[in-house]
C-alpha atoms as a PDB file:
ATOM      1  CA  MET A   1     122.844  63.494  93.543  1.00  0.00           C
ATOM      2  CA  ILE A   2     122.217  63.200  97.282  1.00  0.00           C
ATOM      3  CA  ILE A   3     121.869  65.705 100.112  1.00  0.00           C
ATOM      4  CA  ASN A   4     123.195  64.253 103.363  1.00  0.00           C
ATOM      5  CA  THR A   5     121.168  66.077 106.020  1.00  0.00           C
ATOM      6  CA  HIS A   6     123.276  65.105 109.050  1.00  0.00           C
ATOM      7  CA  SER A   7     127.060  64.704 109.009  1.00  0.00           C
ATOM      8  CA  HIS A   8     129.723  65.386 111.640  1.00  0.00           C
ATOM      9  CA  ILE A   9     132.624  65.327 109.198  1.00  0.00           C
ATOM     10  CA  TYR A  10     134.300  67.992 111.343  1.00  0.00           C
ATOM     11  CA  ASP A  11     134.590  65.423 114.181  1.00  0.00           C
ATOM     12  CA  GLU A  12     138.079  64.475 115.372  1.00  0.00           C
ATOM     13  CA  ALA A  13     137.456  60.958 114.046  1.00  0.00           C
ATOM     14  CA  PHE A  14     138.276  62.429 110.618  1.00  0.00           C
ATOM     15  CA  ASP A  15     141.309  64.492 111.622  1.00  0.00           C
ATOM     16  CA  THR A  16     143.756  62.307 109.694  1.00  0.00           C
ATOM     17  CA  ASP A  17     141.848  61.976 106.411  1.00  0.00           C
ATOM     18  CA  ARG A  18     138.989  64.490 106.336  1.00  0.00           C
ATOM     19  CA  GLU A  19     139.624  65.687 102.784  1.00  0.00           C
ATOM     20  CA  GLU A  20     139.858  62.145 101.453  1.00  0.00           C
ATOM     21  CA  VAL A  21     136.553  61.323 103.176  1.00  0.00           C
ATOM     22  CA  PHE A  22     134.982  64.415 101.624  1.00  0.00           C
ATOM     23  CA  GLN A  23     136.224  63.488  98.155  1.00  0.00           C
ATOM     24  CA  ARG A  24     134.782  59.980  98.517  1.00  0.00           C
ATOM     25  CA  ALA A  25     131.434  61.558  99.372  1.00  0.00           C
ATOM     26  CA  LEU A  26     131.507  63.722  96.253  1.00  0.00           C
ATOM     27  CA  GLU A  27     132.466  60.734  94.121  1.00  0.00           C
ATOM     28  CA  ALA A  28     129.564  58.755  95.605  1.00  0.00           C
ATOM     29  CA  GLY A  29     127.139  61.441  94.445  1.00  0.00           C
ATOM     30  CA  VAL A  30     126.740  63.469  97.640  1.00  0.00           C
ATOM     31  CA  GLU A  31     126.245  67.039  96.436  1.00  0.00           C
ATOM     32  CA  MET A  32     125.826  68.650  99.850  1.00  0.00           C
ATOM     33  CA  LEU A  33     126.540  67.943 103.516  1.00  0.00           C
ATOM     34  CA  LEU A  34     124.477  69.584 106.244  1.00  0.00           C
ATOM     35  CA  LEU A  35     126.524  69.863 109.444  1.00  0.00           C
ATOM     36  CA  PRO A  36     124.782  70.235 112.819  1.00  0.00           C
ATOM     37  CA  ASN A  37     126.756  71.719 115.683  1.00  0.00           C
ATOM     38  CA  CYS A  38     127.052  69.916 119.044  1.00  0.00           C
ATOM     39  CA  ASP A  39     128.496  72.397 121.553  1.00  0.00           C
ATOM     40  CA  GLU A  40     130.700  75.468 121.757  1.00  0.00           C
ATOM     41  CA  LYS A  41     133.871  73.411 121.146  1.00  0.00           C
ATOM     42  CA  SER A  42     132.659  72.049 117.810  1.00  0.00           C
ATOM     43  CA  ILE A  43     131.889  75.473 116.328  1.00  0.00           C
ATOM     44  CA  VAL A  44     135.434  76.246 115.154  1.00  0.00           C
ATOM     45  CA  PRO A  45     136.179  72.945 113.360  1.00  0.00           C
ATOM     46  CA  MET A  46     132.714  72.914 111.818  1.00  0.00           C
ATOM     47  CA  MET A  47     132.996  76.467 110.527  1.00  0.00           C
ATOM     48  CA  GLN A  48     136.508  75.868 109.225  1.00  0.00           C
ATOM     49  CA  PHE A  49     135.281  72.967 107.114  1.00  0.00           C
ATOM     50  CA  TYR A  50     132.345  75.009 105.859  1.00  0.00           C
ATOM     51  CA  GLU A  51     134.618  77.883 104.860  1.00  0.00           C
ATOM     52  CA  GLN A  52     136.860  75.459 102.972  1.00  0.00           C
ATOM     53  CA  HIS A  53     133.901  73.967 101.042  1.00  0.00           C
ATOM     54  CA  PRO A  54     131.160  76.617 100.830  1.00  0.00           C
ATOM     55  CA  ASP A  55     129.669  75.146  97.641  1.00  0.00           C
ATOM     56  CA  ASN A  56     128.984  71.736  99.158  1.00  0.00           C
ATOM     57  CA  VAL A  57     128.494  72.353 102.873  1.00  0.00           C
ATOM     58  CA  ARG A  58     125.884  74.094 105.017  1.00  0.00           C
ATOM     59  CA  VAL A  59     125.871  74.492 108.807  1.00  0.00           C
ATOM     60  CA  MET A  60     123.527  74.638 111.788  1.00  0.00           C
ATOM     61  CA  MET A  61     123.971  75.875 115.343  1.00  0.00           C
ATOM     62  CA  GLY A  62     122.695  74.160 118.453  1.00  0.00           C
ATOM     63  CA  LEU A  63     123.503  72.522 121.768  1.00  0.00           C
ATOM     64  CA  HIS A  64     123.256  68.720 121.750  1.00  0.00           C
ATOM     65  CA  PRO A  65     121.228  67.299 124.668  1.00  0.00           C
ATOM     66  CA  GLU A  66     124.126  65.141 125.878  1.00  0.00           C
ATOM     67  CA  GLU A  67     126.188  68.328 126.225  1.00  0.00           C
ATOM     68  CA  VAL A  68     123.703  69.952 128.609  1.00  0.00           C
ATOM     69  CA  LYS A  69     125.505  70.291 131.964  1.00  0.00           C
ATOM     70  CA  GLU A  70     125.501  72.678 134.926  1.00  0.00           C
ATOM     71  CA  ASP A  71     126.965  75.487 132.800  1.00  0.00           C
ATOM     72  CA  TYR A  72     124.445  75.114 129.947  1.00  0.00           C
ATOM     73  CA  LYS A  73     123.480  78.797 130.034  1.00  0.00           C
ATOM     74  CA  LYS A  74     127.046  79.780 129.183  1.00  0.00           C
ATOM     75  CA  SER A  75     127.110  77.272 126.322  1.00  0.00           C
ATOM     76  CA  LEU A  76     123.781  78.496 124.970  1.00  0.00           C
ATOM     77  CA  ASP A  77     124.947  82.096 125.067  1.00  0.00           C
ATOM     78  CA  ILE A  78     128.119  81.282 123.095  1.00  0.00           C
ATOM     79  CA  ILE A  79     126.184  79.282 120.490  1.00  0.00           C
ATOM     80  CA  GLU A  80     123.441  81.881 120.080  1.00  0.00           C
ATOM     81  CA  LYS A  81     126.029  84.564 119.380  1.00  0.00           C
ATOM     82  CA  ARG A  82     127.379  82.476 116.474  1.00  0.00           C
ATOM     83  CA  ILE A  83     124.063  82.333 114.630  1.00  0.00           C
ATOM     84  CA  ASN A  84     124.274  84.407 111.457  1.00  0.00           C
ATOM     85  CA  ASP A  85     123.087  84.444 107.854  1.00  0.00           C
ATOM     86  CA  ASN A  86     125.175  81.359 107.035  1.00  0.00           C
ATOM     87  CA  ILE A  87     123.159  79.178 109.409  1.00  0.00           C
ATOM     88  CA  ILE A  88     120.423  77.095 107.749  1.00  0.00           C
ATOM     89  CA  GLY A  89     118.988  75.481 110.882  1.00  0.00           C
ATOM     90  CA  ILE A  90     119.053  75.044 114.645  1.00  0.00           C
ATOM     91  CA  GLY A  91     120.641  71.745 115.609  1.00  0.00           C
ATOM     92  CA  GLU A  92     121.548  69.315 116.847  1.00  0.00           C
ATOM     93  CA  ILE A  93     119.064  69.837 119.661  1.00  0.00           C
ATOM     94  CA  GLY A  94     116.717  67.547 121.554  1.00  0.00           C
ATOM     95  CA  LEU A  95     116.343  65.206 124.508  1.00  0.00           C
ATOM     96  CA  ASP A  96     118.427  62.150 125.428  1.00  0.00           C
ATOM     97  CA  PHE A  97     117.732  60.121 128.560  1.00  0.00           C
ATOM     98  CA  TYR A  98     119.468  56.953 127.375  1.00  0.00           C
ATOM     99  CA  TRP A  99     122.345  56.967 129.866  1.00  0.00           C
ATOM    100  CA  ASP A 100     120.713  58.971 132.652  1.00  0.00           C
ATOM    101  CA  ASP A 101     118.271  61.786 133.252  1.00  0.00           C
ATOM    102  CA  THR A 102     120.336  63.821 135.697  1.00  0.00           C
ATOM    103  CA  PHE A 103     119.804  66.957 133.648  1.00  0.00           C
ATOM    104  CA  LYS A 104     116.301  66.133 132.444  1.00  0.00           C
ATOM    105  CA  LYS A 105     114.798  69.480 133.433  1.00  0.00           C
ATOM    106  CA  GLU A 106     117.781  71.355 132.023  1.00  0.00           C
ATOM    107  CA  GLN A 107     117.565  69.440 128.734  1.00  0.00           C
ATOM    108  CA  ILE A 108     113.903  70.368 128.408  1.00  0.00           C
ATOM    109  CA  ASP A 109     114.679  74.025 129.188  1.00  0.00           C
ATOM    110  CA  VAL A 110     117.510  74.079 126.634  1.00  0.00           C
ATOM    111  CA  LEU A 111     115.381  72.412 123.968  1.00  0.00           C
ATOM    112  CA  THR A 112     112.560  74.876 124.570  1.00  0.00           C
ATOM    113  CA  GLU A 113     114.838  77.898 124.307  1.00  0.00           C
ATOM    114  CA  GLN A 114     116.373  76.646 121.065  1.00  0.00           C
ATOM    115  CA  LEU A 115     112.939  75.973 119.600  1.00  0.00           C
ATOM    116  CA  HIS A 116     112.196  79.616 120.344  1.00  0.00           C
ATOM    117  CA  TRP A 117     115.315  80.607 118.390  1.00  0.00           C
ATOM    118  CA  ALA A 118     114.107  78.534 115.456  1.00  0.00           C
ATOM    119  CA  LYS A 119     110.659  80.091 115.477  1.00  0.00           C
ATOM    120  CA  ASP A 120     111.966  83.629 115.829  1.00  0.00           C
ATOM    121  CA  LEU A 121     114.523  83.148 113.055  1.00  0.00           C
ATOM    122  CA  LYS A 122     112.230  81.042 110.833  1.00  0.00           C
ATOM    123  CA  LEU A 123     114.758  78.210 110.720  1.00  0.00           C
ATOM    124  CA  PRO A 124     114.135  74.438 110.703  1.00  0.00           C
ATOM    125  CA  VAL A 125     115.465  72.258 113.505  1.00  0.00           C
ATOM    126  CA  SER A 126     117.399  68.999 113.638  1.00  0.00           C
ATOM    127  CA  ILE A 127     116.032  67.093 116.638  1.00  0.00           C
ATOM    128  CA  HIS A 128     117.780  64.257 118.465  1.00  0.00           C
ATOM    129  CA  THR A 129     115.440  62.063 120.542  1.00  0.00           C
ATOM    130  CA  ARG A 130     116.593  58.993 122.434  1.00  0.00           C
ATOM    131  CA  ASN A 131     114.532  57.322 125.175  1.00  0.00           C
ATOM    132  CA  ALA A 132     112.517  60.541 125.291  1.00  0.00           C
ATOM    133  CA  PHE A 133     109.691  60.557 122.738  1.00  0.00           C
ATOM    134  CA  HIS A 134     107.030  61.075 125.415  1.00  0.00           C
ATOM    135  CA  GLU A 135     108.803  64.112 126.820  1.00  0.00           C
ATOM    136  CA  MET A 136     109.657  65.408 123.341  1.00  0.00           C
ATOM    137  CA  PHE A 137     106.044  65.318 122.231  1.00  0.00           C
ATOM    138  CA  LYS A 138     104.951  67.117 125.407  1.00  0.00           C
ATOM    139  CA  VAL A 139     107.356  69.943 124.538  1.00  0.00           C
ATOM    140  CA  LEU A 140     106.164  70.043 120.922  1.00  0.00           C
ATOM    141  CA  ASP A 141     102.530  70.047 122.057  1.00  0.00           C
ATOM    142  CA  HIS A 142     103.270  73.316 123.788  1.00  0.00           C
ATOM    143  CA  GLU A 143     105.692  74.846 121.290  1.00  0.00           C
ATOM    144  CA  GLN A 144     104.288  73.956 117.873  1.00  0.00           C
ATOM    145  CA  ASP A 145     102.327  76.999 116.794  1.00  0.00           C
ATOM    146  CA  GLY A 146     102.729  76.497 113.059  1.00  0.00           C
ATOM    147  CA  ARG A 147     106.209  78.002 112.964  1.00  0.00           C
ATOM    148  CA  LEU A 148     108.251  74.866 113.687  1.00  0.00           C
ATOM    149  CA  ALA A 149     109.582  72.531 111.003  1.00  0.00           C
ATOM    150  CA  GLY A 150     112.508  70.178 110.860  1.00  0.00           C
ATOM    151  CA  VAL A 151     113.851  66.642 111.012  1.00  0.00           C
ATOM    152  CA  MET A 152     113.502  63.936 113.622  1.00  0.00           C
ATOM    153  CA  HIS A 153     117.144  62.983 113.203  1.00  0.00           C
ATOM    154  CA  CYS A 154     118.022  59.286 113.127  1.00  0.00           C
ATOM    155  CA  PHE A 155     114.404  58.331 113.699  1.00  0.00           C
ATOM    156  CA  ASN A 156     114.105  54.923 115.354  1.00  0.00           C
ATOM    157  CA  GLY A 157     110.688  55.045 116.999  1.00  0.00           C
ATOM    158  CA  THR A 158     107.438  53.173 116.568  1.00  0.00           C
ATOM    159  CA  PHE A 159     104.835  53.687 113.850  1.00  0.00           C
ATOM    160  CA  ASP A 160     102.659  55.647 116.283  1.00  0.00           C
ATOM    161  CA  GLU A 161     105.630  57.848 117.192  1.00  0.00           C
ATOM    162  CA  ALA A 162     106.348  58.363 113.516  1.00  0.00           C
ATOM    163  CA  LYS A 163     102.753  59.427 112.876  1.00  0.00           C
ATOM    164  CA  THR A 164     102.919  61.799 115.831  1.00  0.00           C
ATOM    165  CA  ALA A 165     106.159  63.337 114.550  1.00  0.00           C
ATOM    166  CA  LEU A 166     104.554  63.821 111.134  1.00  0.00           C
ATOM    167  CA  SER A 167     101.518  65.430 112.755  1.00  0.00           C
ATOM    168  CA  TYR A 168     103.793  68.169 114.081  1.00  0.00           C
ATOM    169  CA  GLY A 169     105.000  68.808 110.534  1.00  0.00           C
ATOM    170  CA  PHE A 170     108.368  67.081 110.894  1.00  0.00           C
ATOM    171  CA  HIS A 171     110.323  64.914 108.470  1.00  0.00           C
ATOM    172  CA  LEU A 172     111.915  61.612 109.481  1.00  0.00           C
ATOM    173  CA  GLY A 173     115.692  61.404 109.122  1.00  0.00           C
ATOM    174  CA  LEU A 174     116.778  57.950 107.917  1.00  0.00           C
ATOM    175  CA  GLY A 175     120.336  56.756 108.395  1.00  0.00           C
ATOM    176  CA  GLY A 176     122.339  53.572 108.647  1.00  0.00           C
ATOM    177  CA  VAL A 177     120.081  52.103 111.335  1.00  0.00           C
ATOM    178  CA  ILE A 178     117.457  51.385 108.663  1.00  0.00           C
ATOM    179  CA  THR A 179     119.804  48.707 107.294  1.00  0.00           C
ATOM    180  CA  TYR A 180     120.039  46.880 110.632  1.00  0.00           C
ATOM    181  CA  LYS A 181     118.241  43.575 111.054  1.00  0.00           C
ATOM    182  CA  ASN A 182     116.513  44.627 114.284  1.00  0.00           C
ATOM    183  CA  CYS A 183     115.353  48.070 113.080  1.00  0.00           C
ATOM    184  CA  GLY A 184     111.590  48.288 113.469  1.00  0.00           C
ATOM    185  CA  VAL A 185     111.215  51.348 111.251  1.00  0.00           C
ATOM    186  CA  LYS A 186     111.691  49.342 108.067  1.00  0.00           C
ATOM    187  CA  GLU A 187     108.558  47.356 108.954  1.00  0.00           C
ATOM    188  CA  PHE A 188     106.309  50.407 108.494  1.00  0.00           C
ATOM    189  CA  LEU A 189     108.426  52.811 106.440  1.00  0.00           C
ATOM    190  CA  ALA A 190     106.488  52.084 103.236  1.00  0.00           C
ATOM    191  CA  ASP A 191     103.441  53.613 104.945  1.00  0.00           C
ATOM    192  CA  ILE A 192     105.277  56.930 105.475  1.00  0.00           C
ATOM    193  CA  PRO A 193     104.831  59.424 102.608  1.00  0.00           C
ATOM    194  CA  MET A 194     108.050  59.761 100.623  1.00  0.00           C
ATOM    195  CA  ASP A 195     107.808  63.537 100.790  1.00  0.00           C
ATOM    196  CA  LYS A 196     108.325  63.264 104.564  1.00  0.00           C
ATOM    197  CA  ILE A 197     111.717  61.532 104.621  1.00  0.00           C
ATOM    198  CA  VAL A 198     115.317  62.713 104.251  1.00  0.00           C
ATOM    199  CA  LEU A 199     118.590  60.782 104.205  1.00  0.00           C
ATOM    200  CA  GLU A 200     121.538  61.179 106.585  1.00  0.00           C
ATOM    201  CA  THR A 201     124.570  59.381 107.954  1.00  0.00           C
ATOM    202  CA  ASP A 202     125.297  60.860 111.418  1.00  0.00           C
ATOM    203  CA  ASP A 203     128.913  60.031 110.665  1.00  0.00           C
ATOM    204  CA  PRO A 204     131.181  58.998 112.275  1.00  0.00           C
ATOM    205  CA  TYR A 205     128.427  57.092 114.101  1.00  0.00           C
ATOM    206  CA  LEU A 206     125.894  54.405 113.101  1.00  0.00           C
ATOM    207  CA  PRO A 207     127.406  53.046 109.880  1.00  0.00           C
ATOM    208  CA  PRO A 208     125.051  51.098 107.611  1.00  0.00           C
ATOM    209  CA  VAL A 209     125.455  47.453 106.699  1.00  0.00           C
ATOM    210  CA  PRO A 210     127.981  46.294 105.453  1.00  0.00           C
ATOM    211  CA  TYR A 211     130.134  48.781 107.400  1.00  0.00           C
ATOM    212  CA  ARG A 212     128.877  48.082 110.932  1.00  0.00           C
ATOM    213  CA  GLY A 213     131.721  48.179 113.425  1.00  0.00           C
ATOM    214  CA  GLN A 214     133.656  50.652 111.309  1.00  0.00           C
ATOM    215  CA  ARG A 215     133.771  54.441 111.279  1.00  0.00           C
ATOM    216  CA  ASN A 216     130.815  55.797 109.355  1.00  0.00           C
ATOM    217  CA  GLU A 217     131.420  58.386 106.628  1.00  0.00           C
ATOM    218  CA  PRO A 218     129.239  60.537 104.346  1.00  0.00           C
ATOM    219  CA  ALA A 219     129.675  58.373 101.243  1.00  0.00           C
ATOM    220  CA  TYR A 220     127.985  55.451 102.983  1.00  0.00           C
ATOM    221  CA  ILE A 221     124.643  57.226 102.620  1.00  0.00           C
ATOM    222  CA  VAL A 222     124.349  55.344  99.326  1.00  0.00           C
ATOM    223  CA  LYS A 223     123.750  52.112 101.271  1.00  0.00           C
ATOM    224  CA  THR A 224     120.937  53.780 103.203  1.00  0.00           C
ATOM    225  CA  ALA A 225     119.427  55.088  99.965  1.00  0.00           C
ATOM    226  CA  GLU A 226     119.523  51.600  98.468  1.00  0.00           C
ATOM    227  CA  LYS A 227     117.741  50.094 101.481  1.00  0.00           C
ATOM    228  CA  VAL A 228     115.083  52.817 101.555  1.00  0.00           C
ATOM    229  CA  ALA A 229     114.503  52.394  97.821  1.00  0.00           C
ATOM    230  CA  ASP A 230     114.069  48.649  98.308  1.00  0.00           C
ATOM    231  CA  ILE A 231     111.482  49.202 101.045  1.00  0.00           C
ATOM    232  CA  TYR A 232     109.448  51.591  98.890  1.00  0.00           C
ATOM    233  CA  GLY A 233     109.874  49.477  95.771  1.00  0.00           C
ATOM    234  CA  VAL A 234     111.422  52.260  93.691  1.00  0.00           C
ATOM    235  CA  THR A 235     114.857  52.932  92.246  1.00  0.00           C
ATOM    236  CA  THR A 236     117.718  54.284  94.302  1.00  0.00           C
ATOM    237  CA  GLU A 237     117.903  57.228  91.920  1.00  0.00           C
ATOM    238  CA  GLU A 238     114.274  58.096  92.630  1.00  0.00           C
ATOM    239  CA  ILE A 239     114.817  57.978  96.407  1.00  0.00           C
ATOM    240  CA  CYS A 240     117.893  60.181  96.089  1.00  0.00           C
ATOM    241  CA  LYS A 241     115.976  62.708  94.012  1.00  0.00           C
ATOM    242  CA  ILE A 242     112.911  62.777  96.259  1.00  0.00           C
ATOM    243  CA  THR A 243     114.796  63.012  99.551  1.00  0.00           C
ATOM    244  CA  SER A 244     117.174  65.655  98.202  1.00  0.00           C
ATOM    245  CA  ASN A 245     114.233  67.742  97.001  1.00  0.00           C
ATOM    246  CA  ASN A 246     112.657  67.321 100.433  1.00  0.00           C
ATOM    247  CA  ALA A 247     115.866  68.578 102.060  1.00  0.00           C
ATOM    248  CA  LYS A 248     116.126  71.517  99.677  1.00  0.00           C
ATOM    249  CA  SER A 249     112.586  72.573 100.461  1.00  0.00           C
ATOM    250  CA  LEU A 250     112.882  72.105 104.227  1.00  0.00           C
ATOM    251  CA  PHE A 251     116.256  73.823 104.654  1.00  0.00           C
ATOM    252  CA  LYS A 252     115.655  76.390 101.884  1.00  0.00           C
ATOM    253  CA  LEU A 253     118.812  75.330 100.043  1.00  0.00           C
END
């Protein structure tokens, strides 16, 4: 059985066949989906799916860095008001300067405020970092006081960046990118302790081989598990068990 720590199955990409996609995930051995929020608009569809499948779904609340605009304070206020006892984490939060850094300061401010939520509420975080590890680590240098834990979602950094992330007490989230030929993480992954990794899909994005170019879906996490198992030289079943136990411990499932 597998815990998928990062799925956007509530995304409009699944509007025509969401239940079929969910059933395929269950049949593939996915016992639970963890759904991170993106902005105020994604709250309703995410919560609707959770309410339909409370035994197999858990949810987080957060403002995605790419959704940080001029009106970010309004968005943050709406999202913060939706945090309740059903929420298992703060996410998807982080920094993303891939396309531009117009709202760089605002992204850092938003990340910092949401890290404060996590610390105050004793919740783990799901952190998105793209073209921003230097800035992310500067924030964590200041904010990590022993109360922060979470996942570096879709980790695709260097070995040194991985070691730095681990030094802050974070897990590395491994998804379909680990199956890509040009992914550098697979070159050093065997040197990362297995108790510091979790599996994810980030569906509908970043499908693993052999599904590249298609819509990703939660069931495809099996391909990621197989690749990770191959890198560590263990069985797929062992990787599924270890990473699911890691997720249960981290998110208090």
